[in-house]
C-alpha atoms as a PDB file:
ATOM      1  CA  MET A   1      -7.766  48.858  43.265  1.00  0.00           C
ATOM      2  CA  LYS A   2      -7.436  51.196  40.296  1.00  0.00           C
ATOM      3  CA  ARG A   3      -4.624  51.060  37.787  1.00  0.00           C
ATOM      4  CA  LEU A   4      -3.047  54.502  37.796  1.00  0.00           C
ATOM      5  CA  MET A   5      -0.717  55.781  35.106  1.00  0.00           C
ATOM      6  CA  PHE A   6       1.711  58.468  36.285  1.00  0.00           C
ATOM      7  CA  VAL A   7       3.072  60.629  33.476  1.00  0.00           C
ATOM      8  CA  LEU A   8       6.371  61.755  34.976  1.00  0.00           C
ATOM      9  CA  SER A   9       8.401  64.903  34.356  1.00  0.00           C
ATOM     10  CA  GLY A  10      11.655  63.244  33.304  1.00  0.00           C
ATOM     11  CA  GLU A  11      13.765  65.916  35.000  1.00  0.00           C
ATOM     12  CA  HIS A  12      15.743  63.229  36.830  1.00  0.00           C
ATOM     13  CA  PRO A  13      16.323  59.561  35.925  1.00  0.00           C
ATOM     14  CA  THR A  14      15.094  58.040  39.219  1.00  0.00           C
ATOM     15  CA  LEU A  15      13.497  60.641  41.487  1.00  0.00           C
ATOM     16  CA  PRO A  16      10.092  61.055  39.737  1.00  0.00           C
ATOM     17  CA  THR A  17       9.276  57.341  40.007  1.00  0.00           C
ATOM     18  CA  ALA A  18      10.553  57.155  43.587  1.00  0.00           C
ATOM     19  CA  GLU A  19       8.506  60.224  44.550  1.00  0.00           C
ATOM     20  CA  ALA A  20       5.286  58.765  43.113  1.00  0.00           C
ATOM     21  CA  VAL A  21       5.714  55.494  45.015  1.00  0.00           C
ATOM     22  CA  ALA A  22       6.650  57.335  48.210  1.00  0.00           C
ATOM     23  CA  ALA A  23       3.563  59.564  47.976  1.00  0.00           C
ATOM     24  CA  ILE A  24       1.330  56.485  47.769  1.00  0.00           C
ATOM     25  CA  LYS A  25       3.045  55.093  50.873  1.00  0.00           C
ATOM     26  CA  ALA A  26       2.634  58.425  52.655  1.00  0.00           C
ATOM     27  CA  GLU A  27      -1.107  58.152  52.067  1.00  0.00           C
ATOM     28  CA  HIS A  28      -1.018  54.711  53.772  1.00  0.00           C
ATOM     29  CA  ARG A  29      -2.367  53.001  50.665  1.00  0.00           C
ATOM     30  CA  ALA A  30      -1.418  49.579  49.366  1.00  0.00           C
ATOM     31  CA  TYR A  31       0.081  49.500  45.904  1.00  0.00           C
ATOM     32  CA  ARG A  32       1.661  47.236  43.331  1.00  0.00           C
ATOM     33  CA  VAL A  33       3.908  48.485  40.542  1.00  0.00           C
ATOM     34  CA  LEU A  34       2.798  46.965  37.242  1.00  0.00           C
ATOM     35  CA  GLU A  35       5.039  48.722  34.718  1.00  0.00           C
ATOM     36  CA  GLN A  36       7.995  51.102  34.790  1.00  0.00           C
ATOM     37  CA  LEU A  37       8.613  52.803  31.454  1.00  0.00           C
ATOM     38  CA  ASN A  38      10.565  55.919  30.566  1.00  0.00           C
ATOM     39  CA  GLN A  39       8.572  58.755  32.221  1.00  0.00           C
ATOM     40  CA  VAL A  40       5.583  56.471  32.815  1.00  0.00           C
ATOM     41  CA  LEU A  41       4.766  54.466  35.928  1.00  0.00           C
ATOM     42  CA  VAL A  42       1.728  52.177  36.102  1.00  0.00           C
ATOM     43  CA  ALA A  43       0.680  51.083  39.580  1.00  0.00           C
ATOM     44  CA  GLU A  44      -2.353  49.436  41.120  1.00  0.00           C
ATOM     45  CA  THR A  45      -3.554  51.287  44.225  1.00  0.00           C
ATOM     46  CA  LYS A  46      -6.542  52.673  46.119  1.00  0.00           C
ATOM     47  CA  ALA A  47      -4.846  56.062  46.524  1.00  0.00           C
ATOM     48  CA  SER A  48      -6.805  59.036  45.189  1.00  0.00           C
ATOM     49  CA  PRO A  49      -5.374  60.520  41.963  1.00  0.00           C
ATOM     50  CA  GLU A  50      -6.466  64.003  43.076  1.00  0.00           C
ATOM     51  CA  VAL A  51      -4.731  63.692  46.437  1.00  0.00           C
ATOM     52  CA  LEU A  52      -1.555  62.341  44.853  1.00  0.00           C
ATOM     53  CA  ALA A  53      -1.555  65.144  42.276  1.00  0.00           C
ATOM     54  CA  SER A  54      -1.790  67.703  45.085  1.00  0.00           C
ATOM     55  CA  ARG A  55       1.364  66.208  46.647  1.00  0.00           C
ATOM     56  CA  LEU A  56       3.635  65.452  43.708  1.00  0.00           C
ATOM     57  CA  ALA A  57       6.227  67.727  42.125  1.00  0.00           C
ATOM     58  CA  MET A  58       7.930  65.578  39.469  1.00  0.00           C
ATOM     59  CA  CYS A  59       4.750  64.350  37.798  1.00  0.00           C
ATOM     60  CA  ARG A  60       2.567  65.948  35.115  1.00  0.00           C
ATOM     61  CA  GLU A  61      -0.658  63.936  34.966  1.00  0.00           C
ATOM     62  CA  ILE A  62      -2.208  60.948  36.684  1.00  0.00           C
ATOM     63  CA  CYS A  63      -4.488  58.828  34.529  1.00  0.00           C
ATOM     64  CA  ILE A  64      -6.711  55.813  34.919  1.00  0.00           C
ATOM     65  CA  HIS A  65      -4.655  53.288  32.978  1.00  0.00           C
ATOM     66  CA  LEU A  66      -6.450  51.551  30.119  1.00  0.00           C
ATOM     67  CA  CYS A  67      -3.810  49.592  28.253  1.00  0.00           C
ATOM     68  CA  THR A  68      -0.179  49.363  27.196  1.00  0.00           C
ATOM     69  CA  SER A  69       0.860  48.033  23.830  1.00  0.00           C
ATOM     70  CA  ASN A  70       3.730  47.937  21.423  1.00  0.00           C
ATOM     71  CA  ALA A  71       4.305  51.319  19.814  1.00  0.00           C
ATOM     72  CA  ASN A  72       2.838  50.633  16.401  1.00  0.00           C
ATOM     73  CA  GLU A  73      -0.532  51.700  15.061  1.00  0.00           C
ATOM     74  CA  GLU A  74      -1.978  48.206  14.662  1.00  0.00           C
ATOM     75  CA  ASP A  75      -1.178  47.088  18.226  1.00  0.00           C
ATOM     76  CA  ILE A  76      -2.291  50.393  19.734  1.00  0.00           C
ATOM     77  CA  LEU A  77      -5.680  50.272  18.006  1.00  0.00           C
ATOM     78  CA  GLU A  78      -6.150  46.622  18.943  1.00  0.00           C
ATOM     79  CA  SER A  79      -5.399  47.413  22.609  1.00  0.00           C
ATOM     80  CA  VAL A  80      -7.816  50.345  22.583  1.00  0.00           C
ATOM     81  CA  GLY A  81     -10.535  48.155  21.100  1.00  0.00           C
ATOM     82  CA  SER A  82     -10.066  45.444  23.698  1.00  0.00           C
ATOM     83  CA  SER A  83      -9.776  47.785  26.725  1.00  0.00           C
ATOM     84  CA  ASP A  84     -12.572  48.448  29.225  1.00  0.00           C
ATOM     85  CA  ILE A  85     -13.432  51.943  27.956  1.00  0.00           C
ATOM     86  CA  VAL A  86     -17.136  51.134  27.769  1.00  0.00           C
ATOM     87  CA  ASP A  87     -17.258  50.241  31.471  1.00  0.00           C
ATOM     88  CA  LEU A  88     -15.318  53.310  32.607  1.00  0.00           C
ATOM     89  CA  ILE A  89     -16.972  56.165  30.749  1.00  0.00           C
ATOM     90  CA  PRO A  90     -20.638  57.221  30.854  1.00  0.00           C
ATOM     91  CA  HIS A  91     -22.288  57.566  27.456  1.00  0.00           C
ATOM     92  CA  GLY A  92     -22.969  61.006  26.039  1.00  0.00           C
ATOM     93  CA  LYS A  93     -19.775  62.649  27.259  1.00  0.00           C
ATOM     94  CA  SER A  94     -17.488  64.656  25.001  1.00  0.00           C
ATOM     95  CA  PHE A  95     -13.892  63.555  24.662  1.00  0.00           C
ATOM     96  CA  ALA A  96     -10.530  64.244  23.075  1.00  0.00           C
ATOM     97  CA  VAL A  97      -7.496  62.089  22.387  1.00  0.00           C
ATOM     98  CA  HIS A  98      -3.958  63.421  22.796  1.00  0.00           C
ATOM     99  CA  LEU A  99      -0.695  61.613  22.158  1.00  0.00           C
ATOM    100  CA  LYS A 100       2.637  62.608  23.692  1.00  0.00           C
ATOM    101  CA  ARG A 101       6.080  61.452  22.745  1.00  0.00           C
ATOM    102  CA  VAL A 102       8.865  60.837  25.291  1.00  0.00           C
ATOM    103  CA  LYS A 103      12.346  61.751  24.073  1.00  0.00           C
ATOM    104  CA  ARG A 104      11.633  61.287  20.365  1.00  0.00           C
ATOM    105  CA  SER A 105      10.144  57.832  20.845  1.00  0.00           C
ATOM    106  CA  SER A 106       8.543  56.251  17.764  1.00  0.00           C
ATOM    107  CA  PRO A 107       9.424  59.062  15.319  1.00  0.00           C
ATOM    108  CA  GLU A 108       7.724  57.170  12.483  1.00  0.00           C
ATOM    109  CA  ILE A 109       4.292  57.647  14.091  1.00  0.00           C
ATOM    110  CA  ASN A 110       2.248  60.699  13.130  1.00  0.00           C
ATOM    111  CA  THR A 111       0.747  61.522  16.529  1.00  0.00           C
ATOM    112  CA  LEU A 112      -2.024  63.810  15.221  1.00  0.00           C
ATOM    113  CA  LYS A 113      -3.184  61.265  12.659  1.00  0.00           C
ATOM    114  CA  LEU A 114      -3.058  58.372  15.119  1.00  0.00           C
ATOM    115  CA  ALA A 115      -4.929  60.390  17.778  1.00  0.00           C
ATOM    116  CA  LYS A 116      -7.716  60.977  15.266  1.00  0.00           C
ATOM    117  CA  THR A 117      -7.831  57.269  14.391  1.00  0.00           C
ATOM    118  CA  ILE A 118      -8.008  56.327  18.094  1.00  0.00           C
ATOM    119  CA  ALA A 119     -10.826  58.860  18.553  1.00  0.00           C
ATOM    120  CA  ASN A 120     -12.788  57.273  15.728  1.00  0.00           C
ATOM    121  CA  THR A 121     -12.252  53.821  17.251  1.00  0.00           C
ATOM    122  CA  ILE A 122     -13.527  55.018  20.640  1.00  0.00           C
ATOM    123  CA  ALA A 123     -16.529  56.767  19.069  1.00  0.00           C
ATOM    124  CA  GLU A 124     -17.584  53.475  17.490  1.00  0.00           C
ATOM    125  CA  GLU A 125     -17.676  51.821  20.933  1.00  0.00           C
ATOM    126  CA  VAL A 126     -19.647  54.415  22.901  1.00  0.00           C
ATOM    127  CA  GLU A 127     -21.883  57.415  22.296  1.00  0.00           C
ATOM    128  CA  PHE A 128     -19.202  60.094  22.526  1.00  0.00           C
ATOM    129  CA  LYS A 129     -18.678  63.281  20.624  1.00  0.00           C
ATOM    130  CA  VAL A 130     -15.243  64.718  19.967  1.00  0.00           C
ATOM    131  CA  ASP A 131     -14.495  68.122  21.541  1.00  0.00           C
ATOM    132  CA  LEU A 132     -10.835  69.090  21.278  1.00  0.00           C
ATOM    133  CA  ALA A 133     -11.268  72.434  23.059  1.00  0.00           C
ATOM    134  CA  HIS A 134     -13.265  71.553  26.198  1.00  0.00           C
ATOM    135  CA  PRO A 135     -13.703  67.784  26.455  1.00  0.00           C
ATOM    136  CA  ASP A 136     -15.356  66.143  29.439  1.00  0.00           C
ATOM    137  CA  ILE A 137     -12.837  63.322  29.137  1.00  0.00           C
ATOM    138  CA  GLU A 138      -9.260  63.274  27.887  1.00  0.00           C
ATOM    139  CA  PHE A 139      -7.665  60.092  26.604  1.00  0.00           C
ATOM    140  CA  LEU A 140      -3.898  60.468  26.909  1.00  0.00           C
ATOM    141  CA  GLY A 141      -1.446  58.220  25.147  1.00  0.00           C
ATOM    142  CA  VAL A 142       2.285  58.291  25.813  1.00  0.00           C
ATOM    143  CA  LEU A 143       4.767  56.909  23.305  1.00  0.00           C
ATOM    144  CA  THR A 144       7.760  55.853  25.374  1.00  0.00           C
ATOM    145  CA  GLY A 145      10.555  53.710  24.023  1.00  0.00           C
ATOM    146  CA  GLU A 146       8.980  50.816  22.139  1.00  0.00           C
ATOM    147  CA  ARG A 147       5.699  51.018  24.055  1.00  0.00           C
ATOM    148  CA  CYS A 148       2.542  53.122  24.160  1.00  0.00           C
ATOM    149  CA  ALA A 149       0.599  53.586  27.406  1.00  0.00           C
ATOM    150  CA  LEU A 150      -2.967  54.903  27.242  1.00  0.00           C
ATOM    151  CA  GLY A 151      -5.153  56.240  30.014  1.00  0.00           C
ATOM    152  CA  ILE A 152      -7.943  58.635  30.940  1.00  0.00           C
ATOM    153  CA  THR A 153      -6.701  61.789  32.638  1.00  0.00           C
ATOM    154  CA  ALA A 154      -7.893  61.838  36.254  1.00  0.00           C
ATOM    155  CA  ALA A 155      -5.800  64.659  37.768  1.00  0.00           C
ATOM    156  CA  ARG A 156      -3.139  67.142  36.704  1.00  0.00           C
ATOM    157  CA  VAL A 157      -0.222  68.381  38.770  1.00  0.00           C
ATOM    158  CA  ASP A 158      -0.060  72.175  38.981  1.00  0.00           C
ATOM    159  CA  ARG A 159       3.644  72.510  38.262  1.00  0.00           C
ATOM    160  CA  ARG A 160       3.350  76.278  37.757  1.00  0.00           C
ATOM    161  CA  GLN A 161       2.917  76.694  41.506  1.00  0.00           C
ATOM    162  CA  PHE A 162       6.563  75.773  42.050  1.00  0.00           C
ATOM    163  CA  ALA A 163       7.758  78.571  39.764  1.00  0.00           C
ATOM    164  CA  ARG A 164       5.590  81.009  41.718  1.00  0.00           C
ATOM    165  CA  ARG A 165       7.377  79.917  44.915  1.00  0.00           C
ATOM    166  CA  ARG A 166      10.955  80.048  43.664  1.00  0.00           C
ATOM    167  CA  PRO A 167      13.321  81.151  46.453  1.00  0.00           C
ATOM    168  CA  THR A 168      14.159  84.588  45.028  1.00  0.00           C
ATOM    169  CA  LEU A 169      10.489  85.621  45.286  1.00  0.00           C
ATOM    170  CA  ARG A 170      10.212  84.900  49.024  1.00  0.00           C
ATOM    171  CA  PRO A 171      10.539  87.493  51.793  1.00  0.00           C
ATOM    172  CA  ALA A 172      13.734  85.824  53.086  1.00  0.00           C
ATOM    173  CA  PHE A 173      16.204  84.455  50.556  1.00  0.00           C
ATOM    174  CA  HIS A 174      19.342  82.399  51.012  1.00  0.00           C
ATOM    175  CA  PRO A 175      21.375  81.137  48.033  1.00  0.00           C
ATOM    176  CA  GLY A 176      21.600  77.594  49.454  1.00  0.00           C
ATOM    177  CA  THR A 177      17.812  77.098  49.485  1.00  0.00           C
ATOM    178  CA  LEU A 178      16.493  74.136  47.506  1.00  0.00           C
ATOM    179  CA  MET A 179      14.238  74.761  44.518  1.00  0.00           C
ATOM    180  CA  PRO A 180      10.579  74.048  45.398  1.00  0.00           C
ATOM    181  CA  THR A 181      10.194  70.974  43.147  1.00  0.00           C
ATOM    182  CA  PHE A 182      13.178  69.324  44.783  1.00  0.00           C
ATOM    183  CA  ALA A 183      12.107  70.333  48.309  1.00  0.00           C
ATOM    184  CA  ARG A 184       8.634  68.884  47.664  1.00  0.00           C
ATOM    185  CA  CYS A 185      10.175  65.708  46.274  1.00  0.00           C
ATOM    186  CA  MET A 186      12.263  65.260  49.443  1.00  0.00           C
ATOM    187  CA  THR A 187       9.137  65.799  51.540  1.00  0.00           C
ATOM    188  CA  ASN A 188       7.417  62.994  49.664  1.00  0.00           C
ATOM    189  CA  LEU A 189      10.469  60.706  49.763  1.00  0.00           C
ATOM    190  CA  ALA A 190      10.295  61.025  53.554  1.00  0.00           C
ATOM    191  CA  ARG A 191       6.754  59.573  53.333  1.00  0.00           C
ATOM    192  CA  THR A 192       5.442  62.646  55.158  1.00  0.00           C
ATOM    193  CA  PRO A 193       1.813  61.971  56.127  1.00  0.00           C
ATOM    194  CA  ARG A 194      -0.795  64.690  55.821  1.00  0.00           C
ATOM    195  CA  GLY A 195      -1.476  65.789  59.382  1.00  0.00           C
ATOM    196  CA  GLY A 196       1.752  64.172  60.561  1.00  0.00           C
ATOM    197  CA  MET A 197       4.780  65.979  61.946  1.00  0.00           C
ATOM    198  CA  LEU A 198       7.847  66.677  59.815  1.00  0.00           C
ATOM    199  CA  LEU A 199      11.177  67.854  61.195  1.00  0.00           C
ATOM    200  CA  ASP A 200      13.893  69.709  59.308  1.00  0.00           C
ATOM    201  CA  PRO A 201      16.840  69.968  61.730  1.00  0.00           C
ATOM    202  CA  PHE A 202      18.847  72.145  59.294  1.00  0.00           C
ATOM    203  CA  CYS A 203      15.871  74.195  58.161  1.00  0.00           C
ATOM    204  CA  GLY A 204      17.632  77.339  56.931  1.00  0.00           C
ATOM    205  CA  VAL A 205      15.011  79.777  55.638  1.00  0.00           C
ATOM    206  CA  GLY A 206      12.415  76.999  55.447  1.00  0.00           C
ATOM    207  CA  GLY A 207      12.305  75.709  51.873  1.00  0.00           C
ATOM    208  CA  ILE A 208      11.523  72.114  52.838  1.00  0.00           C
ATOM    209  CA  LEU A 209       9.218  73.175  55.676  1.00  0.00           C
ATOM    210  CA  LEU A 210       7.208  75.320  53.280  1.00  0.00           C
ATOM    211  CA  GLU A 211       6.564  72.446  50.868  1.00  0.00           C
ATOM    212  CA  ALA A 212       5.669  70.063  53.695  1.00  0.00           C
ATOM    213  CA  GLY A 213       3.291  72.624  55.185  1.00  0.00           C
ATOM    214  CA  LEU A 214       1.488  73.053  51.873  1.00  0.00           C
ATOM    215  CA  ILE A 215       0.588  69.348  51.764  1.00  0.00           C
ATOM    216  CA  GLY A 216      -0.851  69.556  55.274  1.00  0.00           C
ATOM    217  CA  ALA A 217       1.998  68.468  57.557  1.00  0.00           C
ATOM    218  CA  LYS A 218       2.726  69.915  60.980  1.00  0.00           C
ATOM    219  CA  LEU A 219       6.215  71.385  61.058  1.00  0.00           C
ATOM    220  CA  VAL A 220       9.203  71.583  63.350  1.00  0.00           C
ATOM    221  CA  GLY A 221      12.161  73.585  62.072  1.00  0.00           C
ATOM    222  CA  ILE A 222      15.522  73.855  63.826  1.00  0.00           C
ATOM    223  CA  ASP A 223      18.623  75.762  62.792  1.00  0.00           C
ATOM    224  CA  ILE A 224      21.736  76.846  64.625  1.00  0.00           C
ATOM    225  CA  ASP A 225      21.503  80.332  63.076  1.00  0.00           C
ATOM    226  CA  ARG A 226      18.865  82.626  64.578  1.00  0.00           C
ATOM    227  CA  GLU A 227      18.766  84.739  61.431  1.00  0.00           C
ATOM    228  CA  MET A 228      17.795  81.654  59.424  1.00  0.00           C
ATOM    229  CA  ILE A 229      14.991  80.867  61.856  1.00  0.00           C
ATOM    230  CA  GLU A 230      13.588  84.373  61.481  1.00  0.00           C
ATOM    231  CA  GLY A 231      13.782  83.998  57.701  1.00  0.00           C
ATOM    232  CA  ALA A 232      11.908  80.698  57.869  1.00  0.00           C
ATOM    233  CA  ARG A 233       9.205  82.334  59.973  1.00  0.00           C
ATOM    234  CA  LYS A 234       8.725  85.105  57.413  1.00  0.00           C
ATOM    235  CA  ASN A 235       8.562  82.660  54.503  1.00  0.00           C
ATOM    236  CA  LEU A 236       6.079  80.315  56.173  1.00  0.00           C
ATOM    237  CA  GLU A 237       3.791  83.124  57.270  1.00  0.00           C
ATOM    238  CA  ALA A 238       3.889  84.748  53.835  1.00  0.00           C
ATOM    239  CA  SER A 239       2.739  81.469  52.263  1.00  0.00           C
ATOM    240  CA  GLY A 240      -0.127  81.002  54.700  1.00  0.00           C
ATOM    241  CA  VAL A 241       1.433  78.075  56.581  1.00  0.00           C
ATOM    242  CA  VAL A 242       0.459  78.338  60.246  1.00  0.00           C
ATOM    243  CA  ASP A 243       1.031  74.984  61.965  1.00  0.00           C
ATOM    244  CA  PHE A 244       4.759  75.211  62.733  1.00  0.00           C
ATOM    245  CA  GLN A 245       7.308  75.440  65.530  1.00  0.00           C
ATOM    246  CA  LEU A 246      10.688  77.051  64.925  1.00  0.00           C
ATOM    247  CA  MET A 247      13.620  77.074  67.312  1.00  0.00           C
ATOM    248  CA  VAL A 248      17.313  77.812  67.415  1.00  0.00           C
ATOM    249  CA  GLY A 249      19.160  74.585  68.096  1.00  0.00           C
ATOM    250  CA  ASP A 250      21.850  72.109  67.114  1.00  0.00           C
ATOM    251  CA  ALA A 251      20.888  69.121  64.939  1.00  0.00           C
ATOM    252  CA  ARG A 252      23.491  67.062  66.809  1.00  0.00           C
ATOM    253  CA  LYS A 253      21.633  67.614  70.088  1.00  0.00           C
ATOM    254  CA  LEU A 254      17.943  67.700  69.233  1.00  0.00           C
ATOM    255  CA  PRO A 255      15.373  68.346  71.955  1.00  0.00           C
ATOM    256  CA  ALA A 256      12.924  65.713  73.166  1.00  0.00           C
ATOM    257  CA  LEU A 257      10.597  65.208  70.213  1.00  0.00           C
ATOM    258  CA  GLU A 258       8.825  62.460  68.313  1.00  0.00           C
ATOM    259  CA  VAL A 259       8.201  63.143  64.636  1.00  0.00           C
ATOM    260  CA  ASP A 260       6.684  61.140  61.782  1.00  0.00           C
ATOM    261  CA  ALA A 261       9.216  62.146  59.136  1.00  0.00           C
ATOM    262  CA  VAL A 262      12.482  64.015  58.641  1.00  0.00           C
ATOM    263  CA  ALA A 263      13.556  65.795  55.463  1.00  0.00           C
ATOM    264  CA  THR A 264      16.678  67.915  55.479  1.00  0.00           C
ATOM    265  CA  ASP A 265      19.440  69.356  53.334  1.00  0.00           C
ATOM    266  CA  PRO A 266      22.393  70.042  55.668  1.00  0.00           C
ATOM    267  CA  PRO A 267      24.629  72.984  54.818  1.00  0.00           C
ATOM    268  CA  PHE A 268      27.437  71.009  53.147  1.00  0.00           C
ATOM    269  CA  GLY A 269      30.277  72.525  55.129  1.00  0.00           C
ATOM    270  CA  ARG A 270      29.228  76.157  55.434  1.00  0.00           C
ATOM    271  CA  GLN A 271      31.059  76.575  58.708  1.00  0.00           C
ATOM    272  CA  ALA A 272      28.876  79.436  59.889  1.00  0.00           C
ATOM    273  CA  SER A 273      25.923  77.046  59.796  1.00  0.00           C
ATOM    274  CA  THR A 274      27.676  74.020  61.284  1.00  0.00           C
ATOM    275  CA  ALA A 275      29.338  75.734  64.220  1.00  0.00           C
ATOM    276  CA  GLY A 276      32.686  75.026  62.558  1.00  0.00           C
ATOM    277  CA  ALA A 277      32.264  71.242  62.613  1.00  0.00           C
ATOM    278  CA  PRO A 278      33.932  69.202  59.833  1.00  0.00           C
ATOM    279  CA  LEU A 279      31.327  67.831  57.434  1.00  0.00           C
ATOM    280  CA  GLU A 280      31.759  64.117  58.190  1.00  0.00           C
ATOM    281  CA  GLU A 281      31.702  64.793  61.912  1.00  0.00           C
ATOM    282  CA  LEU A 282      28.519  66.823  61.486  1.00  0.00           C
ATOM    283  CA  TYR A 283      26.701  63.894  59.832  1.00  0.00           C
ATOM    284  CA  GLU A 284      28.214  61.350  62.210  1.00  0.00           C
ATOM    285  CA  GLN A 285      26.755  63.216  65.184  1.00  0.00           C
ATOM    286  CA  ALA A 286      23.521  64.395  63.575  1.00  0.00           C
ATOM    287  CA  LEU A 287      22.292  61.014  62.307  1.00  0.00           C
ATOM    288  CA  PRO A 288      21.906  59.394  65.769  1.00  0.00           C
ATOM    289  CA  SER A 289      20.210  62.565  66.993  1.00  0.00           C
ATOM    290  CA  ILE A 290      17.773  62.463  64.067  1.00  0.00           C
ATOM    291  CA  ALA A 291      17.112  58.740  64.583  1.00  0.00           C
ATOM    292  CA  GLY A 292      16.390  59.451  68.235  1.00  0.00           C
ATOM    293  CA  VAL A 293      13.443  61.730  67.458  1.00  0.00           C
ATOM    294  CA  LEU A 294      12.060  59.760  64.509  1.00  0.00           C
ATOM    295  CA  ARG A 295       9.208  57.412  65.337  1.00  0.00           C
ATOM    296  CA  ARG A 296       9.782  53.698  64.869  1.00  0.00           C
ATOM    297  CA  LYS A 297       9.565  52.744  61.161  1.00  0.00           C
ATOM    298  CA  GLY A 298       9.486  56.438  60.242  1.00  0.00           C
ATOM    299  CA  TYR A 299      11.423  57.712  57.234  1.00  0.00           C
ATOM    300  CA  ALA A 300      14.143  60.330  56.854  1.00  0.00           C
ATOM    301  CA  CYS A 301      15.236  61.888  53.568  1.00  0.00           C
ATOM    302  CA  ILE A 302      18.695  63.418  53.932  1.00  0.00           C
ATOM    303  CA  ALA A 303      20.916  65.056  51.319  1.00  0.00           C
ATOM    304  CA  SER A 304      24.709  64.981  51.344  1.00  0.00           C
ATOM    305  CA  PRO A 305      27.575  65.635  48.949  1.00  0.00           C
ATOM    306  CA  ALA A 306      28.231  62.536  46.824  1.00  0.00           C
ATOM    307  CA  GLU A 307      31.748  62.036  48.148  1.00  0.00           C
ATOM    308  CA  LEU A 308      30.389  61.421  51.648  1.00  0.00           C
ATOM    309  CA  GLU A 309      29.041  57.880  52.119  1.00  0.00           C
ATOM    310  CA  LEU A 310      26.321  57.733  54.766  1.00  0.00           C
ATOM    311  CA  GLU A 311      25.345  54.038  54.761  1.00  0.00           C
ATOM    312  CA  GLU A 312      27.723  52.953  57.532  1.00  0.00           C
ATOM    313  CA  LEU A 313      26.984  56.032  59.621  1.00  0.00           C
ATOM    314  CA  ALA A 314      23.272  55.300  59.231  1.00  0.00           C
ATOM    315  CA  VAL A 315      23.623  51.689  60.385  1.00  0.00           C
ATOM    316  CA  SER A 316      25.394  52.743  63.569  1.00  0.00           C
ATOM    317  CA  ALA A 317      22.630  55.307  64.153  1.00  0.00           C
ATOM    318  CA  GLY A 318      19.877  52.680  63.899  1.00  0.00           C
ATOM    319  CA  LEU A 319      18.747  53.633  60.386  1.00  0.00           C
ATOM    320  CA  ARG A 320      18.324  51.341  57.387  1.00  0.00           C
ATOM    321  CA  THR A 321      19.063  52.624  53.900  1.00  0.00           C
ATOM    322  CA  ILE A 322      15.975  52.266  51.678  1.00  0.00           C
ATOM    323  CA  GLU A 323      17.130  54.062  48.542  1.00  0.00           C
ATOM    324  CA  LYS A 324      19.584  56.654  47.272  1.00  0.00           C
ATOM    325  CA  HIS A 325      19.699  58.948  44.285  1.00  0.00           C
ATOM    326  CA  GLU A 326      22.251  61.324  42.820  1.00  0.00           C
ATOM    327  CA  GLN A 327      21.665  64.806  41.445  1.00  0.00           C
ATOM    328  CA  ARG A 328      24.268  66.962  39.733  1.00  0.00           C
ATOM    329  CA  VAL A 329      24.010  70.454  41.204  1.00  0.00           C
ATOM    330  CA  HIS A 330      26.849  72.024  39.236  1.00  0.00           C
ATOM    331  CA  ARG A 331      30.235  71.033  37.848  1.00  0.00           C
ATOM    332  CA  SER A 332      31.920  70.718  41.234  1.00  0.00           C
ATOM    333  CA  LEU A 333      29.016  69.373  43.312  1.00  0.00           C
ATOM    334  CA  THR A 334      26.864  66.269  43.035  1.00  0.00           C
ATOM    335  CA  ARG A 335      24.227  65.833  45.711  1.00  0.00           C
ATOM    336  CA  ARG A 336      23.257  62.395  47.003  1.00  0.00           C
ATOM    337  CA  ILE A 337      19.749  61.939  48.377  1.00  0.00           C
ATOM    338  CA  TYR A 338      19.312  59.146  50.893  1.00  0.00           C
ATOM    339  CA  VAL A 339      16.081  57.701  52.222  1.00  0.00           C
ATOM    340  CA  PHE A 340      16.463  55.951  55.578  1.00  0.00           C
ATOM    341  CA  ARG A 341      13.992  54.084  57.732  1.00  0.00           C
ATOM    342  CA  ARG A 342      14.259  53.849  61.476  1.00  0.00           C
ATOM    343  CA  LYS A 343      14.521  50.257  62.649  1.00  0.00           C
END
């Protein structure tokens, strides 16, 4: 297995790491976490860096991990010298070294000067030439806390795509739609397999469905509001997603289905979208319905307001809580993101 170094976005304290691990699981690949640093995750896995980069939202680069050392010049250079660079890189390739700093880590280190020193060290080991503009190989070091992780860039996440898909640019817009990075993250937290079937039983205008469709999932979207369903259809078709079923229905009484994953952001008490049901009652009735269509050992990622605890409701529905995260939406709303697994 390869040691992969995930350089994470840092936009949330726990979600980027959880998303990276979940994406590996969704690809049905074994893994072992080796290090968890601030905005850096090192894991051993057979998963493809390119495939993972095409899935992830809260990650910037995925590298082949070379070494981690204390964040001082002497230890960094010693680790570089003792790493397996010679075995990993063909001779004659051009290269560049870049150093990044996480949240003002190691302010005493001059990153440009140290990058040049690392480049000279590497050039002594193998027949490389430095090319800062168009290198064949990029060595990326990340100064994070008291540590420095170094790797060879294997794949980059195209984070600009999410800005191009922001909700206000879609044919059908609703103000409650999740931002694309968060919708993609929920899709990954649900361990949605490529080619598998994902259900969003509160699909709205299809923000989560869209992100799941773009990683190759088959889609089922249900909403109690016909206008929302028509909006979801327009958005999916405009983005080139074709493998989907949409239907008007009630998440508390789902039709006979079997799906591989569920990701959903219920409407947090908008009565027009919940048929007037109180919020706790909505979740209490929807969770067993969701569990009933989820395949055995399948995962569901479900958002709720933070004041509503779902663990007990999940147990009675036959779901086991795997993880939970909190995200502040605005001053009066904090969203909790649960990941459940069907027993």
